[in-house]
Amino acid sequence: MITLIIEDEKPAARLLQRKLEKLDVTVETMLHSVEESVEWFANNQHPDLIFLDIQLSDGLSFEIFEKIDIKSAIIFTTAYDEYALKAFKLNSIDYLLKPIDEDDLEAAVSKFKSRLPKTTAETSNIQLDFEQIRQMLSNPFEKTYKKRFTVKIGQHLKVITKEEIECFFSENKGTYIHTYDNRNYLIDSTLEILEQELDKKDFFRVSRKFIVPLQAIKEIQVYTNSRLKVILPTYKEDEVIVSREKVQDFKSWLG
C-alpha cells in the first residue's frame, strides 16, 4: 500500500507519520505545498491513500485536483470543518479534525483497509453518504485536547502532564516546555501546532514566543505601549509580554 502525506507544517507531518507507523502504515512520501504536490503527481505513480491537509502554504489543496486527475483514496486532516462538504465530493474516506485523535485515525485507516478488496473502479468512487457526513459534522468542535507530552532526555523518555507545565516558549527555532521545577524540555512541535492541540480554555498564546496556562499566571502587570506583562512562578529567562494586538482577547480569556 502506497501512502502519502500532504501537510505544510513539517512537524505536524512527522507527528502524523509516527502515529501511522504505530498502525503499521508506512508513509512513502511527504509533500508540503500545492505546487510541490502537482509536480509530484505529474511524475510519479499515484498512491493508494493520501492524508491531506486542506490549507497549505500556497493555497487550498483542492487546487491540486483542479490540475491533476487523482484517483487515490483520501483522508482529510485539517483544523477547519467548513470544507467538509466539498471534501466529500472527492474520493474521501474520512475527515479528521486537528488535533487528530489516535482512535479516530485508527478507525479511518481501518475503514480504508476494509474497502481494499473492492475493484479499482469501486475504490476510486468511495464516498460517504449524507447521513455519515451529518453524523461526523454534528459536533465538529468536540475535540480531545492534549494533556501530556513525551520528551526525550538522553536515552530515556519522560512524560510531562499539563499540570506540570508553566509555559511553552520558542527559542532559536526550537519549542520548549518550561515546568514548575524550573526546567526546560525541547519538544518536537511548534507553537502553531500546540495552539491546535491545547484546550483554549486553559492555554493562551500571548505572543509569537509564548503560550501560557491560566493556572500558572502569578501576576499581571501593565507594561509599555498598552501591553501586559505576565509573571510566572519560576520562568525568568525572558519577559512574558502579551502583545498589544492580543491584549483584548487575553482579558476576555481571563474572564
C-alpha atoms as a PDB file:
ATOM      1  CA  MET A   1       0.000   0.000   0.000  1.00  0.00           C
ATOM      2  CA  ILE A   2       1.497   3.310  -1.080  1.00  0.00           C
ATOM      3  CA  THR A   3       0.686   6.126   1.356  1.00  0.00           C
ATOM      4  CA  LEU A   4       1.347   9.861   1.014  1.00  0.00           C
ATOM      5  CA  ILE A   5       1.059  12.823   3.416  1.00  0.00           C
ATOM      6  CA  ILE A   6       0.413  16.352   2.137  1.00  0.00           C
ATOM      7  CA  GLU A   7       0.831  18.800   5.035  1.00  0.00           C
ATOM      8  CA  ASP A   8       2.511  22.229   5.049  1.00  0.00           C
ATOM      9  CA  GLU A   9       3.580  22.048   8.713  1.00  0.00           C
ATOM     10  CA  LYS A  10       6.566  19.671   8.678  1.00  0.00           C
ATOM     11  CA  PRO A  11       6.393  18.888  12.433  1.00  0.00           C
ATOM     12  CA  ALA A  12       2.706  18.031  12.017  1.00  0.00           C
ATOM     13  CA  ALA A  13       3.552  15.787   9.055  1.00  0.00           C
ATOM     14  CA  ARG A  14       6.222  13.971  11.082  1.00  0.00           C
ATOM     15  CA  LEU A  15       3.829  13.573  14.020  1.00  0.00           C
ATOM     16  CA  LEU A  16       1.187  12.055  11.726  1.00  0.00           C
ATOM     17  CA  GLN A  17       3.809   9.775  10.194  1.00  0.00           C
ATOM     18  CA  ARG A  18       4.745   8.462  13.652  1.00  0.00           C
ATOM     19  CA  LYS A  19       1.105   7.836  14.514  1.00  0.00           C
ATOM     20  CA  LEU A  20       0.627   5.932  11.251  1.00  0.00           C
ATOM     21  CA  GLU A  21       3.723   3.818  11.875  1.00  0.00           C
ATOM     22  CA  LYS A  22       2.054   2.616  15.091  1.00  0.00           C
ATOM     23  CA  LEU A  23      -0.793   1.399  12.854  1.00  0.00           C
ATOM     24  CA  ASP A  24       1.655  -0.389  10.509  1.00  0.00           C
ATOM     25  CA  VAL A  25       1.113   2.183   7.779  1.00  0.00           C
ATOM     26  CA  THR A  26       4.325   3.218   6.014  1.00  0.00           C
ATOM     27  CA  VAL A  27       4.415   6.717   4.543  1.00  0.00           C
ATOM     28  CA  GLU A  28       6.359   6.735   1.276  1.00  0.00           C
ATOM     29  CA  THR A  29       6.441  10.499   0.652  1.00  0.00           C
ATOM     30  CA  MET A  30       5.597  13.779   2.403  1.00  0.00           C
ATOM     31  CA  LEU A  31       4.703  16.894   0.396  1.00  0.00           C
ATOM     32  CA  HIS A  32       4.163  20.399   1.748  1.00  0.00           C
ATOM     33  CA  SER A  33       2.559  22.662  -0.882  1.00  0.00           C
ATOM     34  CA  VAL A  34       0.142  22.745  -3.812  1.00  0.00           C
ATOM     35  CA  GLU A  35       2.951  23.406  -6.290  1.00  0.00           C
ATOM     36  CA  GLU A  36       5.146  20.603  -4.966  1.00  0.00           C
ATOM     37  CA  SER A  37       2.208  18.183  -4.963  1.00  0.00           C
ATOM     38  CA  VAL A  38       1.137  18.957  -8.529  1.00  0.00           C
ATOM     39  CA  GLU A  39       4.694  18.364  -9.763  1.00  0.00           C
ATOM     40  CA  TRP A  40       4.979  15.122  -7.780  1.00  0.00           C
ATOM     41  CA  PHE A  41       1.684  13.678  -9.049  1.00  0.00           C
ATOM     42  CA  ALA A  42       2.640  14.563 -12.622  1.00  0.00           C
ATOM     43  CA  ASN A  43       5.815  12.489 -12.391  1.00  0.00           C
ATOM     44  CA  ASN A  44       5.053   9.619 -10.021  1.00  0.00           C
ATOM     45  CA  GLN A  45       2.708   6.688  -9.583  1.00  0.00           C
ATOM     46  CA  HIS A  46      -0.290   7.868  -7.575  1.00  0.00           C
ATOM     47  CA  PRO A  47      -0.583   6.372  -4.068  1.00  0.00           C
ATOM     48  CA  ASP A  48      -3.353   4.165  -2.729  1.00  0.00           C
ATOM     49  CA  LEU A  49      -4.067   6.545   0.158  1.00  0.00           C
ATOM     50  CA  ILE A  50      -3.431  10.260   0.776  1.00  0.00           C
ATOM     51  CA  PHE A  51      -3.550  12.033   4.140  1.00  0.00           C
ATOM     52  CA  LEU A  52      -4.365  15.554   3.044  1.00  0.00           C
ATOM     53  CA  ASP A  53      -4.391  18.879   4.876  1.00  0.00           C
ATOM     54  CA  ILE A  54      -6.659  21.453   3.252  1.00  0.00           C
ATOM     55  CA  GLN A  55      -4.943  24.785   3.900  1.00  0.00           C
ATOM     56  CA  LEU A  56      -1.401  24.566   2.540  1.00  0.00           C
ATOM     57  CA  SER A  57       1.273  27.246   2.469  1.00  0.00           C
ATOM     58  CA  ASP A  58       0.457  28.325  -1.099  1.00  0.00           C
ATOM     59  CA  GLY A  59      -3.292  27.722  -1.251  1.00  0.00           C
ATOM     60  CA  LEU A  60      -6.055  25.172  -0.710  1.00  0.00           C
ATOM     61  CA  SER A  61      -5.241  21.572  -1.521  1.00  0.00           C
ATOM     62  CA  PHE A  62      -8.384  21.398  -3.681  1.00  0.00           C
ATOM     63  CA  GLU A  63      -6.315  23.251  -6.298  1.00  0.00           C
ATOM     64  CA  ILE A  64      -4.285  20.065  -6.774  1.00  0.00           C
ATOM     65  CA  PHE A  65      -7.386  18.248  -8.034  1.00  0.00           C
ATOM     66  CA  GLU A  66      -8.128  21.055 -10.488  1.00  0.00           C
ATOM     67  CA  LYS A  67      -4.797  20.356 -12.209  1.00  0.00           C
ATOM     68  CA  ILE A  68      -4.305  16.609 -11.720  1.00  0.00           C
ATOM     69  CA  ASP A  69      -6.808  13.750 -12.055  1.00  0.00           C
ATOM     70  CA  ILE A  70      -6.235  11.874  -8.807  1.00  0.00           C
ATOM     71  CA  LYS A  71      -7.963   8.552  -8.142  1.00  0.00           C
ATOM     72  CA  SER A  72      -6.340   7.838  -4.770  1.00  0.00           C
ATOM     73  CA  ALA A  73      -8.470   7.473  -1.643  1.00  0.00           C
ATOM     74  CA  ILE A  74      -8.185  10.460   0.707  1.00  0.00           C
ATOM     75  CA  ILE A  75      -8.339  11.008   4.452  1.00  0.00           C
ATOM     76  CA  PHE A  76      -8.520  14.732   5.164  1.00  0.00           C
ATOM     77  CA  THR A  77      -6.589  16.022   8.173  1.00  0.00           C
ATOM     78  CA  THR A  78      -7.405  19.638   8.919  1.00  0.00           C
ATOM     79  CA  ALA A  79      -8.187  22.160  11.626  1.00  0.00           C
ATOM     80  CA  TYR A  80     -11.147  23.512   9.654  1.00  0.00           C
ATOM     81  CA  ASP A  81     -14.585  21.942   9.334  1.00  0.00           C
ATOM     82  CA  GLU A  82     -16.055  24.356   6.780  1.00  0.00           C
ATOM     83  CA  TYR A  83     -14.593  22.456   3.806  1.00  0.00           C
ATOM     84  CA  ALA A  84     -16.108  19.099   4.709  1.00  0.00           C
ATOM     85  CA  LEU A  85     -18.906  19.007   2.141  1.00  0.00           C
ATOM     86  CA  LYS A  86     -16.528  19.987  -0.651  1.00  0.00           C
ATOM     87  CA  ALA A  87     -14.051  17.375   0.550  1.00  0.00           C
ATOM     88  CA  PHE A  88     -16.626  14.602   0.365  1.00  0.00           C
ATOM     89  CA  LYS A  89     -17.181  15.301  -3.328  1.00  0.00           C
ATOM     90  CA  LEU A  90     -13.706  13.861  -3.808  1.00  0.00           C
ATOM     91  CA  ASN A  91     -12.550  10.306  -3.082  1.00  0.00           C
ATOM     92  CA  SER A  92     -12.930  10.767   0.647  1.00  0.00           C
ATOM     93  CA  ILE A  93     -12.628   8.040   3.249  1.00  0.00           C
ATOM     94  CA  ASP A  94     -12.781  10.304   6.298  1.00  0.00           C
ATOM     95  CA  TYR A  95     -12.415  13.899   7.517  1.00  0.00           C
ATOM     96  CA  LEU A  96     -10.336  14.213  10.709  1.00  0.00           C
ATOM     97  CA  LEU A  97     -10.250  17.493  12.603  1.00  0.00           C
ATOM     98  CA  LYS A  98      -6.984  18.501  14.267  1.00  0.00           C
ATOM     99  CA  PRO A  99      -5.697  17.714  16.786  1.00  0.00           C
ATOM    100  CA  ILE A 100      -6.091  14.208  15.405  1.00  0.00           C
ATOM    101  CA  ASP A 101      -7.285  11.677  17.935  1.00  0.00           C
ATOM    102  CA  GLU A 102      -5.374   8.389  17.583  1.00  0.00           C
ATOM    103  CA  ASP A 103      -8.541   6.308  17.909  1.00  0.00           C
ATOM    104  CA  ASP A 104     -10.195   8.324  15.118  1.00  0.00           C
ATOM    105  CA  LEU A 105      -7.091   7.891  12.975  1.00  0.00           C
ATOM    106  CA  GLU A 106      -7.090   4.140  13.533  1.00  0.00           C
ATOM    107  CA  ALA A 107     -10.785   3.961  12.647  1.00  0.00           C
ATOM    108  CA  ALA A 108     -10.173   5.900   9.421  1.00  0.00           C
ATOM    109  CA  VAL A 109      -7.300   3.630   8.405  1.00  0.00           C
ATOM    110  CA  SER A 110      -9.390   0.554   9.198  1.00  0.00           C
ATOM    111  CA  LYS A 111     -12.213   1.973   7.106  1.00  0.00           C
ATOM    112  CA  PHE A 112      -9.850   2.326   4.161  1.00  0.00           C
ATOM    113  CA  LYS A 113      -8.351  -1.144   4.585  1.00  0.00           C
ATOM    114  CA  SER A 114     -11.800  -2.712   4.777  1.00  0.00           C
ATOM    115  CA  ARG A 115     -12.507  -1.410   1.289  1.00  0.00           C
ATOM    116  CA  LEU A 116      -9.268  -2.584  -0.315  1.00  0.00           C
ATOM    117  CA  PRO A 117     -10.769  -5.821  -1.764  1.00  0.00           C
ATOM    118  CA  LYS A 118     -13.083  -3.744  -3.926  1.00  0.00           C
ATOM    119  CA  THR A 119     -12.243  -3.219  -7.575  1.00  0.00           C
ATOM    120  CA  THR A 120     -10.265  -0.209  -8.707  1.00  0.00           C
ATOM    121  CA  ALA A 121     -13.371   1.363 -10.176  1.00  0.00           C
ATOM    122  CA  GLU A 122     -15.276   0.967  -6.929  1.00  0.00           C
ATOM    123  CA  THR A 123     -12.409   2.218  -4.765  1.00  0.00           C
ATOM    124  CA  SER A 124     -11.933   5.319  -6.922  1.00  0.00           C
ATOM    125  CA  ASN A 125     -15.521   6.323  -6.199  1.00  0.00           C
ATOM    126  CA  ILE A 126     -15.550   5.774  -2.411  1.00  0.00           C
ATOM    127  CA  GLN A 127     -17.729   8.435  -0.854  1.00  0.00           C
ATOM    128  CA  LEU A 128     -19.619   8.756   2.380  1.00  0.00           C
ATOM    129  CA  ASP A 129     -23.366   9.154   2.207  1.00  0.00           C
ATOM    130  CA  PHE A 130     -25.139  12.243   3.552  1.00  0.00           C
ATOM    131  CA  GLU A 131     -26.079  10.605   6.872  1.00  0.00           C
ATOM    132  CA  GLN A 132     -22.435   9.711   7.572  1.00  0.00           C
ATOM    133  CA  ILE A 133     -21.391  13.281   6.808  1.00  0.00           C
ATOM    134  CA  ARG A 134     -24.142  14.672   9.030  1.00  0.00           C
ATOM    135  CA  GLN A 135     -23.058  12.481  11.943  1.00  0.00           C
ATOM    136  CA  MET A 136     -19.398  13.438  11.564  1.00  0.00           C
ATOM    137  CA  LEU A 137     -20.185  17.146  11.500  1.00  0.00           C
ATOM    138  CA  SER A 138     -22.911  17.179  14.154  1.00  0.00           C
ATOM    139  CA  ASN A 139     -20.349  18.049  16.851  1.00  0.00           C
ATOM    140  CA  PRO A 140     -17.290  19.268  14.915  1.00  0.00           C
ATOM    141  CA  PHE A 141     -15.796  21.188  17.828  1.00  0.00           C
ATOM    142  CA  GLU A 142     -15.873  18.406  20.409  1.00  0.00           C
ATOM    143  CA  LYS A 143     -12.150  17.749  20.368  1.00  0.00           C
ATOM    144  CA  THR A 144      -9.889  15.740  22.597  1.00  0.00           C
ATOM    145  CA  TYR A 145      -7.131  18.080  23.719  1.00  0.00           C
ATOM    146  CA  LYS A 146      -3.588  17.084  24.552  1.00  0.00           C
ATOM    147  CA  LYS A 147      -2.971  16.583  28.262  1.00  0.00           C
ATOM    148  CA  ARG A 148       0.555  15.157  28.349  1.00  0.00           C
ATOM    149  CA  PHE A 149       3.780  15.330  26.372  1.00  0.00           C
ATOM    150  CA  THR A 150       6.612  12.835  25.955  1.00  0.00           C
ATOM    151  CA  VAL A 151      10.121  14.302  25.861  1.00  0.00           C
ATOM    152  CA  LYS A 152      13.460  12.599  25.299  1.00  0.00           C
ATOM    153  CA  ILE A 153      16.203  13.016  27.911  1.00  0.00           C
ATOM    154  CA  GLY A 154      19.317  11.220  26.727  1.00  0.00           C
ATOM    155  CA  GLN A 155      18.281   7.610  26.236  1.00  0.00           C
ATOM    156  CA  HIS A 156      15.185   7.987  28.396  1.00  0.00           C
ATOM    157  CA  LEU A 157      11.642   9.247  27.853  1.00  0.00           C
ATOM    158  CA  LYS A 158       9.808  11.466  30.313  1.00  0.00           C
ATOM    159  CA  VAL A 159       6.083  12.157  30.372  1.00  0.00           C
ATOM    160  CA  ILE A 160       5.055  15.697  31.326  1.00  0.00           C
ATOM    161  CA  THR A 161       1.415  16.312  32.209  1.00  0.00           C
ATOM    162  CA  LYS A 162      -0.303  19.621  31.522  1.00  0.00           C
ATOM    163  CA  GLU A 163      -0.489  20.255  35.283  1.00  0.00           C
ATOM    164  CA  GLU A 164       3.334  20.405  35.373  1.00  0.00           C
ATOM    165  CA  ILE A 165       3.608  22.982  32.583  1.00  0.00           C
ATOM    166  CA  GLU A 166       4.343  26.593  33.449  1.00  0.00           C
ATOM    167  CA  CYS A 167       4.612  27.743  29.826  1.00  0.00           C
ATOM    168  CA  PHE A 168       5.617  26.838  26.292  1.00  0.00           C
ATOM    169  CA  PHE A 169       8.163  29.031  24.539  1.00  0.00           C
ATOM    170  CA  SER A 170      10.117  29.139  21.282  1.00  0.00           C
ATOM    171  CA  GLU A 171      13.803  29.928  21.045  1.00  0.00           C
ATOM    172  CA  ASN A 172      16.390  29.513  18.268  1.00  0.00           C
ATOM    173  CA  LYS A 173      13.859  27.651  16.059  1.00  0.00           C
ATOM    174  CA  GLY A 174      13.107  25.189  18.873  1.00  0.00           C
ATOM    175  CA  THR A 175       9.997  24.798  21.017  1.00  0.00           C
ATOM    176  CA  TYR A 176      10.283  24.120  24.739  1.00  0.00           C
ATOM    177  CA  ILE A 177       8.179  23.201  27.757  1.00  0.00           C
ATOM    178  CA  HIS A 178       9.082  25.036  30.960  1.00  0.00           C
ATOM    179  CA  THR A 179       7.910  23.231  34.088  1.00  0.00           C
ATOM    180  CA  TYR A 180       7.241  24.321  37.650  1.00  0.00           C
ATOM    181  CA  ASP A 181      10.518  22.743  38.773  1.00  0.00           C
ATOM    182  CA  ASN A 182      12.293  25.375  36.625  1.00  0.00           C
ATOM    183  CA  ARG A 183      13.439  23.033  33.849  1.00  0.00           C
ATOM    184  CA  ASN A 184      13.200  23.322  30.074  1.00  0.00           C
ATOM    185  CA  TYR A 185      12.442  20.408  27.727  1.00  0.00           C
ATOM    186  CA  LEU A 186      12.747  20.502  23.937  1.00  0.00           C
ATOM    187  CA  ILE A 187       9.700  19.091  22.133  1.00  0.00           C
ATOM    188  CA  ASP A 188       9.104  18.117  18.516  1.00  0.00           C
ATOM    189  CA  SER A 189       6.366  20.622  17.786  1.00  0.00           C
ATOM    190  CA  THR A 190       5.713  24.296  17.095  1.00  0.00           C
ATOM    191  CA  LEU A 191       3.609  26.872  18.923  1.00  0.00           C
ATOM    192  CA  GLU A 192       1.259  26.863  15.917  1.00  0.00           C
ATOM    193  CA  ILE A 193       0.619  23.131  16.316  1.00  0.00           C
ATOM    194  CA  LEU A 194       0.311  23.457  20.084  1.00  0.00           C
ATOM    195  CA  GLU A 195      -2.408  26.090  19.634  1.00  0.00           C
ATOM    196  CA  GLN A 196      -4.474  23.406  17.886  1.00  0.00           C
ATOM    197  CA  GLU A 197      -3.647  20.662  20.383  1.00  0.00           C
ATOM    198  CA  LEU A 198      -4.237  22.569  23.638  1.00  0.00           C
ATOM    199  CA  ASP A 199      -7.578  23.424  25.219  1.00  0.00           C
ATOM    200  CA  LYS A 200      -8.091  27.150  24.666  1.00  0.00           C
ATOM    201  CA  LYS A 201      -9.936  27.404  27.974  1.00  0.00           C
ATOM    202  CA  ASP A 202      -6.680  26.539  29.762  1.00  0.00           C
ATOM    203  CA  PHE A 203      -3.954  27.912  27.473  1.00  0.00           C
ATOM    204  CA  PHE A 204      -3.454  31.231  25.677  1.00  0.00           C
ATOM    205  CA  ARG A 205      -0.826  32.257  23.150  1.00  0.00           C
ATOM    206  CA  VAL A 206       0.175  35.669  24.465  1.00  0.00           C
ATOM    207  CA  SER A 207       2.742  36.378  21.735  1.00  0.00           C
ATOM    208  CA  ARG A 208       4.711  34.775  18.933  1.00  0.00           C
ATOM    209  CA  LYS A 209       7.061  33.329  21.554  1.00  0.00           C
ATOM    210  CA  PHE A 210       4.863  32.181  24.457  1.00  0.00           C
ATOM    211  CA  ILE A 211       1.832  30.060  25.303  1.00  0.00           C
ATOM    212  CA  VAL A 212       0.843  30.238  28.973  1.00  0.00           C
ATOM    213  CA  PRO A 213      -1.645  28.191  31.040  1.00  0.00           C
ATOM    214  CA  LEU A 214      -4.176  30.037  33.150  1.00  0.00           C
ATOM    215  CA  GLN A 215      -3.153  28.150  36.296  1.00  0.00           C
ATOM    216  CA  ALA A 216       0.472  29.334  36.030  1.00  0.00           C
ATOM    217  CA  ILE A 217      -0.225  33.083  35.949  1.00  0.00           C
ATOM    218  CA  LYS A 218       1.061  34.514  39.207  1.00  0.00           C
ATOM    219  CA  GLU A 219       0.617  38.211  38.437  1.00  0.00           C
ATOM    220  CA  ILE A 220      -0.244  40.531  35.539  1.00  0.00           C
ATOM    221  CA  GLN A 221       1.365  43.961  35.257  1.00  0.00           C
ATOM    222  CA  VAL A 222       0.662  46.920  32.992  1.00  0.00           C
ATOM    223  CA  TYR A 223       3.525  47.261  30.513  1.00  0.00           C
ATOM    224  CA  THR A 224       4.655  49.820  27.929  1.00  0.00           C
ATOM    225  CA  ASN A 225       2.766  50.557  24.686  1.00  0.00           C
ATOM    226  CA  SER A 226      -0.574  49.278  26.033  1.00  0.00           C
ATOM    227  CA  ARG A 227       0.836  45.790  26.599  1.00  0.00           C
ATOM    228  CA  LEU A 228       0.704  43.493  29.623  1.00  0.00           C
ATOM    229  CA  LYS A 229       3.430  41.573  31.401  1.00  0.00           C
ATOM    230  CA  VAL A 230       2.724  38.102  32.781  1.00  0.00           C
ATOM    231  CA  ILE A 231       4.640  36.947  35.850  1.00  0.00           C
ATOM    232  CA  LEU A 232       5.142  33.192  36.130  1.00  0.00           C
ATOM    233  CA  PRO A 233       6.340  31.283  39.227  1.00  0.00           C
ATOM    234  CA  THR A 234       9.814  30.228  38.010  1.00  0.00           C
ATOM    235  CA  TYR A 235      10.363  31.296  34.390  1.00  0.00           C
ATOM    236  CA  LYS A 236      12.819  34.225  34.443  1.00  0.00           C
ATOM    237  CA  GLU A 237      14.793  33.777  31.227  1.00  0.00           C
ATOM    238  CA  ASP A 238      12.816  36.420  29.342  1.00  0.00           C
ATOM    239  CA  GLU A 239       9.851  38.727  29.898  1.00  0.00           C
ATOM    240  CA  VAL A 240       6.500  37.173  29.057  1.00  0.00           C
ATOM    241  CA  ILE A 241       4.714  40.028  27.312  1.00  0.00           C
ATOM    242  CA  VAL A 242       1.153  39.981  25.967  1.00  0.00           C
ATOM    243  CA  SER A 243       1.441  41.609  22.535  1.00  0.00           C
ATOM    244  CA  ARG A 244      -0.689  44.678  22.019  1.00  0.00           C
ATOM    245  CA  GLU A 245      -2.963  43.067  19.413  1.00  0.00           C
ATOM    246  CA  LYS A 246      -3.719  40.193  21.819  1.00  0.00           C
ATOM    247  CA  VAL A 247      -4.412  42.217  24.970  1.00  0.00           C
ATOM    248  CA  GLN A 248      -8.188  42.453  24.484  1.00  0.00           C
ATOM    249  CA  ASP A 249      -8.563  38.749  23.698  1.00  0.00           C
ATOM    250  CA  PHE A 250      -6.324  37.941  26.655  1.00  0.00           C
ATOM    251  CA  LYS A 251      -8.551  39.943  29.019  1.00  0.00           C
ATOM    252  CA  SER A 252     -11.621  38.170  27.644  1.00  0.00           C
ATOM    253  CA  TRP A 253      -9.906  34.802  28.114  1.00  0.00           C
ATOM    254  CA  LEU A 254      -9.162  35.656  31.732  1.00  0.00           C
ATOM    255  CA  GLY A 255     -12.870  36.269  32.206  1.00  0.00           C
END
